[in-house]
Amino acid sequence: MNRTEFSARIAERGALRSTPAGLPALDLKLTHESVVTQADGMRRVQAQLKAKAIGAIAERLDRQAVGSYWRFTGFLASPGASINPVRAKSVVLHVLDFQPSQIS
């Protein structure tokens, strides 16, 4: 199963574009900060993640402010991994939905 839920701010948003199939597409950079429990201790976590949205989700995300905070759901994939798994060096969150989120 490949399902990810990630609360984050929109740090950067690219220009809304079209895929070769004519679907709206949007590239984003998301930032996350939280405190989690690990090995009986508290740990501050910071992460930055590339994200991509296609279709109606891309159009909805394009209307949201940079700096706004959301709960994103989607799946992780490595760009180009289906062509050459050795070259896959990063992961991208493919956003399937997003909802308002409280800052935690």
N, C-alpha and C. Protein backbone atom coordinates (compact mmCIF):
# COMPACT_ATOMS: atom_id res chain seq x y z
N MET A 1 0.85 -1.17 0.00
CA MET A 1 0.00 0.00 0.00
C MET A 1 0.89 1.24 0.00
N ASN A 2 0.54 2.22 -0.77
CA ASN A 2 1.29 3.47 -0.86
C ASN A 2 0.31 4.61 -0.65
N ARG A 3 0.12 4.98 0.60
CA ARG A 3 -0.77 6.09 0.96
C ARG A 3 -0.04 6.95 1.98
N THR A 4 -0.02 8.24 1.74
CA THR A 4 0.69 9.16 2.61
C THR A 4 -0.25 10.28 3.03
N GLU A 5 -0.19 10.62 4.30
CA GLU A 5 -0.90 11.78 4.83
C GLU A 5 0.15 12.69 5.44
N PHE A 6 0.12 13.96 5.06
CA PHE A 6 1.23 14.86 5.38
C PHE A 6 0.66 16.25 5.64
N SER A 7 0.85 16.79 6.83
CA SER A 7 0.43 18.16 7.12
C SER A 7 1.59 19.09 6.83
N ALA A 8 1.33 20.12 6.04
CA ALA A 8 2.44 20.98 5.62
C ALA A 8 1.93 22.32 5.11
N ARG A 9 2.85 23.25 5.05
CA ARG A 9 2.60 24.55 4.44
C ARG A 9 3.02 24.49 2.96
N ILE A 10 2.32 25.25 2.15
CA ILE A 10 2.75 25.42 0.76
C ILE A 10 3.91 26.42 0.80
N ALA A 11 5.11 25.96 0.54
CA ALA A 11 6.29 26.82 0.57
C ALA A 11 6.53 27.49 -0.78
N GLU A 12 6.28 26.76 -1.85
CA GLU A 12 6.43 27.29 -3.21
C GLU A 12 5.38 26.65 -4.08
N ARG A 13 4.94 27.41 -5.07
CA ARG A 13 3.95 26.88 -6.01
C ARG A 13 4.39 27.31 -7.41
N GLY A 14 4.52 26.34 -8.30
CA GLY A 14 4.85 26.65 -9.68
C GLY A 14 3.64 27.20 -10.42
N ALA A 15 3.84 27.51 -11.67
CA ALA A 15 2.74 27.99 -12.51
C ALA A 15 1.88 26.79 -12.94
N LEU A 16 0.58 27.00 -12.95
CA LEU A 16 -0.33 25.97 -13.45
C LEU A 16 -0.01 25.73 -14.92
N ARG A 17 0.16 24.49 -15.29
CA ARG A 17 0.52 24.13 -16.67
C ARG A 17 -0.37 22.99 -17.12
N SER A 18 -0.18 22.55 -18.33
CA SER A 18 -0.95 21.41 -18.86
C SER A 18 -0.01 20.25 -19.16
N THR A 19 -0.47 19.04 -18.88
CA THR A 19 0.28 17.84 -19.25
C THR A 19 0.13 17.64 -20.76
N PRO A 20 0.92 16.74 -21.35
CA PRO A 20 0.75 16.45 -22.78
C PRO A 20 -0.67 15.96 -23.11
N ALA A 21 -1.35 15.38 -22.11
CA ALA A 21 -2.73 14.92 -22.32
C ALA A 21 -3.75 16.04 -22.14
N GLY A 22 -3.25 17.24 -21.80
CA GLY A 22 -4.14 18.39 -21.66
C GLY A 22 -4.73 18.58 -20.26
N LEU A 23 -4.25 17.83 -19.28
CA LEU A 23 -4.74 17.97 -17.91
C LEU A 23 -3.97 19.06 -17.17
N PRO A 24 -4.63 19.81 -16.30
CA PRO A 24 -3.91 20.80 -15.48
C PRO A 24 -2.91 20.08 -14.57
N ALA A 25 -1.75 20.68 -14.38
CA ALA A 25 -0.71 20.11 -13.51
C ALA A 25 -0.04 21.23 -12.74
N LEU A 26 0.34 20.92 -11.50
CA LEU A 26 0.94 21.93 -10.63
C LEU A 26 2.04 21.27 -9.80
N ASP A 27 3.22 21.89 -9.78
CA ASP A 27 4.32 21.44 -8.94
C ASP A 27 4.40 22.34 -7.72
N LEU A 28 4.66 21.73 -6.57
CA LEU A 28 4.71 22.45 -5.30
C LEU A 28 5.92 22.02 -4.50
N LYS A 29 6.29 22.85 -3.54
CA LYS A 29 7.24 22.46 -2.51
C LYS A 29 6.52 22.66 -1.18
N LEU A 30 6.48 21.62 -0.36
CA LEU A 30 5.78 21.65 0.92
C LEU A 30 6.80 21.58 2.06
N THR A 31 6.51 22.28 3.17
CA THR A 31 7.36 22.21 4.35
C THR A 31 6.53 21.74 5.55
N HIS A 32 7.13 20.88 6.34
CA HIS A 32 6.47 20.30 7.50
C HIS A 32 7.36 20.50 8.73
N GLU A 33 6.72 20.83 9.86
CA GLU A 33 7.40 20.89 11.15
C GLU A 33 6.47 20.29 12.20
N SER A 34 7.02 19.44 13.07
CA SER A 34 6.22 18.87 14.15
C SER A 34 7.15 18.35 15.23
N VAL A 35 6.55 17.89 16.31
CA VAL A 35 7.27 17.22 17.39
C VAL A 35 6.66 15.83 17.52
N VAL A 36 7.50 14.81 17.48
CA VAL A 36 7.04 13.43 17.56
C VAL A 36 7.77 12.71 18.69
N THR A 37 7.18 11.62 19.14
CA THR A 37 7.82 10.78 20.14
C THR A 37 8.57 9.67 19.43
N GLN A 38 9.84 9.52 19.80
CA GLN A 38 10.67 8.46 19.21
C GLN A 38 11.57 7.92 20.31
N ALA A 39 11.55 6.62 20.51
CA ALA A 39 12.39 5.96 21.52
C ALA A 39 12.25 6.64 22.88
N ASP A 40 11.01 6.86 23.29
CA ASP A 40 10.69 7.47 24.59
C ASP A 40 11.18 8.91 24.75
N GLY A 41 11.48 9.56 23.67
CA GLY A 41 11.89 10.96 23.73
C GLY A 41 11.15 11.79 22.70
N MET A 42 11.18 13.08 22.90
CA MET A 42 10.54 13.99 21.96
C MET A 42 11.57 14.43 20.93
N ARG A 43 11.13 14.49 19.69
CA ARG A 43 12.03 14.87 18.61
C ARG A 43 11.33 15.88 17.71
N ARG A 44 12.03 16.96 17.41
CA ARG A 44 11.50 17.96 16.48
C ARG A 44 11.82 17.49 15.06
N VAL A 45 10.80 17.48 14.23
CA VAL A 45 10.94 17.00 12.86
C VAL A 45 10.70 18.15 11.89
N GLN A 46 11.56 18.28 10.93
CA GLN A 46 11.38 19.24 9.84
C GLN A 46 11.61 18.48 8.54
N ALA A 47 10.77 18.76 7.56
CA ALA A 47 10.93 18.09 6.27
C ALA A 47 10.44 19.00 5.16
N GLN A 48 11.08 18.87 4.03
CA GLN A 48 10.65 19.58 2.83
C GLN A 48 10.43 18.52 1.77
N LEU A 49 9.31 18.63 1.06
CA LEU A 49 8.95 17.59 0.11
C LEU A 49 8.40 18.22 -1.16
N LYS A 50 8.84 17.70 -2.29
CA LYS A 50 8.25 18.11 -3.56
C LYS A 50 6.90 17.43 -3.70
N ALA A 51 5.97 18.13 -4.33
CA ALA A 51 4.64 17.56 -4.54
C ALA A 51 4.15 17.92 -5.94
N LYS A 52 3.21 17.12 -6.43
CA LYS A 52 2.64 17.33 -7.75
C LYS A 52 1.15 17.04 -7.66
N ALA A 53 0.36 17.86 -8.35
CA ALA A 53 -1.09 17.63 -8.42
C ALA A 53 -1.50 17.67 -9.89
N ILE A 54 -2.48 16.86 -10.23
CA ILE A 54 -2.97 16.75 -11.60
C ILE A 54 -4.50 16.92 -11.58
N GLY A 55 -5.05 17.54 -12.62
CA GLY A 55 -6.50 17.63 -12.78
C GLY A 55 -7.13 18.68 -11.89
N ALA A 56 -8.33 18.38 -11.41
CA ALA A 56 -9.10 19.32 -10.59
C ALA A 56 -8.36 19.68 -9.30
N ILE A 57 -7.60 18.73 -8.74
CA ILE A 57 -6.83 19.01 -7.51
C ILE A 57 -5.79 20.09 -7.80
N ALA A 58 -5.15 20.04 -8.96
CA ALA A 58 -4.17 21.06 -9.34
C ALA A 58 -4.83 22.43 -9.43
N GLU A 59 -6.02 22.48 -10.00
CA GLU A 59 -6.73 23.76 -10.11
C GLU A 59 -7.11 24.30 -8.74
N ARG A 60 -7.56 23.42 -7.84
CA ARG A 60 -7.91 23.85 -6.47
C ARG A 60 -6.68 24.35 -5.73
N LEU A 61 -5.57 23.61 -5.84
CA LEU A 61 -4.35 24.01 -5.14
C LEU A 61 -3.79 25.32 -5.69
N ASP A 62 -3.97 25.56 -6.95
CA ASP A 62 -3.47 26.80 -7.56
C ASP A 62 -4.13 28.03 -6.96
N ARG A 63 -5.31 27.88 -6.37
CA ARG A 63 -6.03 29.01 -5.76
C ARG A 63 -5.65 29.23 -4.30
N GLN A 64 -4.79 28.37 -3.73
CA GLN A 64 -4.42 28.50 -2.32
C GLN A 64 -3.16 29.34 -2.15
N ALA A 65 -3.10 30.05 -1.05
CA ALA A 65 -1.99 30.97 -0.79
C ALA A 65 -0.72 30.22 -0.42
N VAL A 66 0.41 30.71 -0.92
CA VAL A 66 1.70 30.24 -0.44
C VAL A 66 1.75 30.59 1.05
N GLY A 67 2.18 29.65 1.87
CA GLY A 67 2.22 29.84 3.32
C GLY A 67 1.02 29.24 4.04
N SER A 68 -0.02 28.88 3.29
CA SER A 68 -1.19 28.28 3.93
C SER A 68 -0.89 26.83 4.32
N TYR A 69 -1.61 26.34 5.32
CA TYR A 69 -1.33 25.05 5.95
C TYR A 69 -2.46 24.07 5.63
N TRP A 70 -2.11 22.84 5.19
CA TRP A 70 -3.09 21.85 4.73
C TRP A 70 -2.68 20.46 5.17
N ARG A 71 -3.65 19.55 5.16
CA ARG A 71 -3.40 18.12 5.33
C ARG A 71 -3.53 17.50 3.94
N PHE A 72 -2.43 17.02 3.42
CA PHE A 72 -2.38 16.45 2.08
C PHE A 72 -2.46 14.93 2.17
N THR A 73 -3.19 14.32 1.26
CA THR A 73 -3.18 12.87 1.13
C THR A 73 -2.81 12.53 -0.31
N GLY A 74 -2.09 11.45 -0.47
CA GLY A 74 -1.67 11.05 -1.80
C GLY A 74 -0.77 9.83 -1.74
N PHE A 75 0.10 9.71 -2.71
CA PHE A 75 1.04 8.58 -2.76
C PHE A 75 2.42 9.11 -3.14
N LEU A 76 3.45 8.35 -2.80
CA LEU A 76 4.82 8.72 -3.09
C LEU A 76 5.31 7.98 -4.33
N ALA A 77 6.05 8.69 -5.16
CA ALA A 77 6.67 8.08 -6.34
C ALA A 77 7.98 8.79 -6.62
N SER A 78 8.89 8.08 -7.24
CA SER A 78 10.17 8.67 -7.65
C SER A 78 10.09 9.03 -9.12
N PRO A 79 10.42 10.27 -9.46
CA PRO A 79 10.39 10.65 -10.88
C PRO A 79 11.33 9.77 -11.70
N GLY A 80 10.84 9.24 -12.78
CA GLY A 80 11.65 8.43 -13.68
C GLY A 80 11.93 7.02 -13.20
N ALA A 81 11.41 6.62 -12.02
CA ALA A 81 11.71 5.29 -11.49
C ALA A 81 11.16 4.18 -12.37
N SER A 82 10.04 4.44 -13.05
CA SER A 82 9.48 3.40 -13.91
C SER A 82 10.35 3.17 -15.14
N ILE A 83 11.13 4.18 -15.50
CA ILE A 83 12.03 4.06 -16.65
C ILE A 83 13.38 3.49 -16.22
N ASN A 84 13.94 4.03 -15.11
CA ASN A 84 15.24 3.59 -14.63
C ASN A 84 15.28 3.72 -13.11
N PRO A 85 14.97 2.65 -12.36
CA PRO A 85 14.93 2.73 -10.89
C PRO A 85 16.25 3.19 -10.27
N VAL A 86 17.38 2.95 -10.91
CA VAL A 86 18.68 3.35 -10.37
C VAL A 86 18.79 4.88 -10.30
N ARG A 87 18.17 5.59 -11.20
CA ARG A 87 18.27 7.06 -11.26
C ARG A 87 17.32 7.75 -10.29
N ALA A 88 16.39 7.01 -9.69
CA ALA A 88 15.41 7.61 -8.78
C ALA A 88 16.11 7.99 -7.47
N LYS A 89 16.29 9.29 -7.24
CA LYS A 89 17.02 9.75 -6.06
C LYS A 89 16.16 10.50 -5.08
N SER A 90 14.92 10.77 -5.42
CA SER A 90 14.05 11.52 -4.52
C SER A 90 12.63 11.01 -4.70
N VAL A 91 11.78 11.43 -3.80
CA VAL A 91 10.37 11.07 -3.92
C VAL A 91 9.54 12.33 -4.06
N VAL A 92 8.40 12.19 -4.70
CA VAL A 92 7.45 13.28 -4.89
C VAL A 92 6.11 12.80 -4.35
N LEU A 93 5.45 13.68 -3.58
CA LEU A 93 4.10 13.39 -3.13
C LEU A 93 3.14 13.75 -4.24
N HIS A 94 2.40 12.77 -4.74
CA HIS A 94 1.36 13.02 -5.73
C HIS A 94 0.07 13.24 -4.96
N VAL A 95 -0.40 14.47 -4.95
CA VAL A 95 -1.54 14.87 -4.13
C VAL A 95 -2.84 14.39 -4.77
N LEU A 96 -3.61 13.63 -3.98
CA LEU A 96 -4.93 13.16 -4.42
C LEU A 96 -6.05 13.99 -3.79
N ASP A 97 -5.75 14.58 -2.62
CA ASP A 97 -6.73 15.43 -1.94
C ASP A 97 -6.00 16.30 -0.93
N PHE A 98 -6.64 17.38 -0.50
CA PHE A 98 -6.11 18.20 0.59
C PHE A 98 -7.26 18.87 1.30
N GLN A 99 -7.07 19.04 2.60
CA GLN A 99 -8.09 19.61 3.47
C GLN A 99 -7.43 20.61 4.41
N PRO A 100 -8.18 21.58 4.93
CA PRO A 100 -7.60 22.49 5.92
C PRO A 100 -7.08 21.69 7.11
N SER A 101 -5.99 22.15 7.70
CA SER A 101 -5.38 21.47 8.83
C SER A 101 -5.03 22.47 9.91
N GLN A 102 -5.14 22.05 11.15
CA GLN A 102 -4.70 22.86 12.26
C GLN A 102 -3.17 22.74 12.36
N ILE A 103 -2.53 23.82 12.70
CA ILE A 103 -1.08 23.77 12.91
C ILE A 103 -0.82 22.99 14.18
N SER A 104 0.08 21.99 14.05
CA SER A 104 0.40 21.16 15.23
C SER A 104 1.88 21.15 15.50
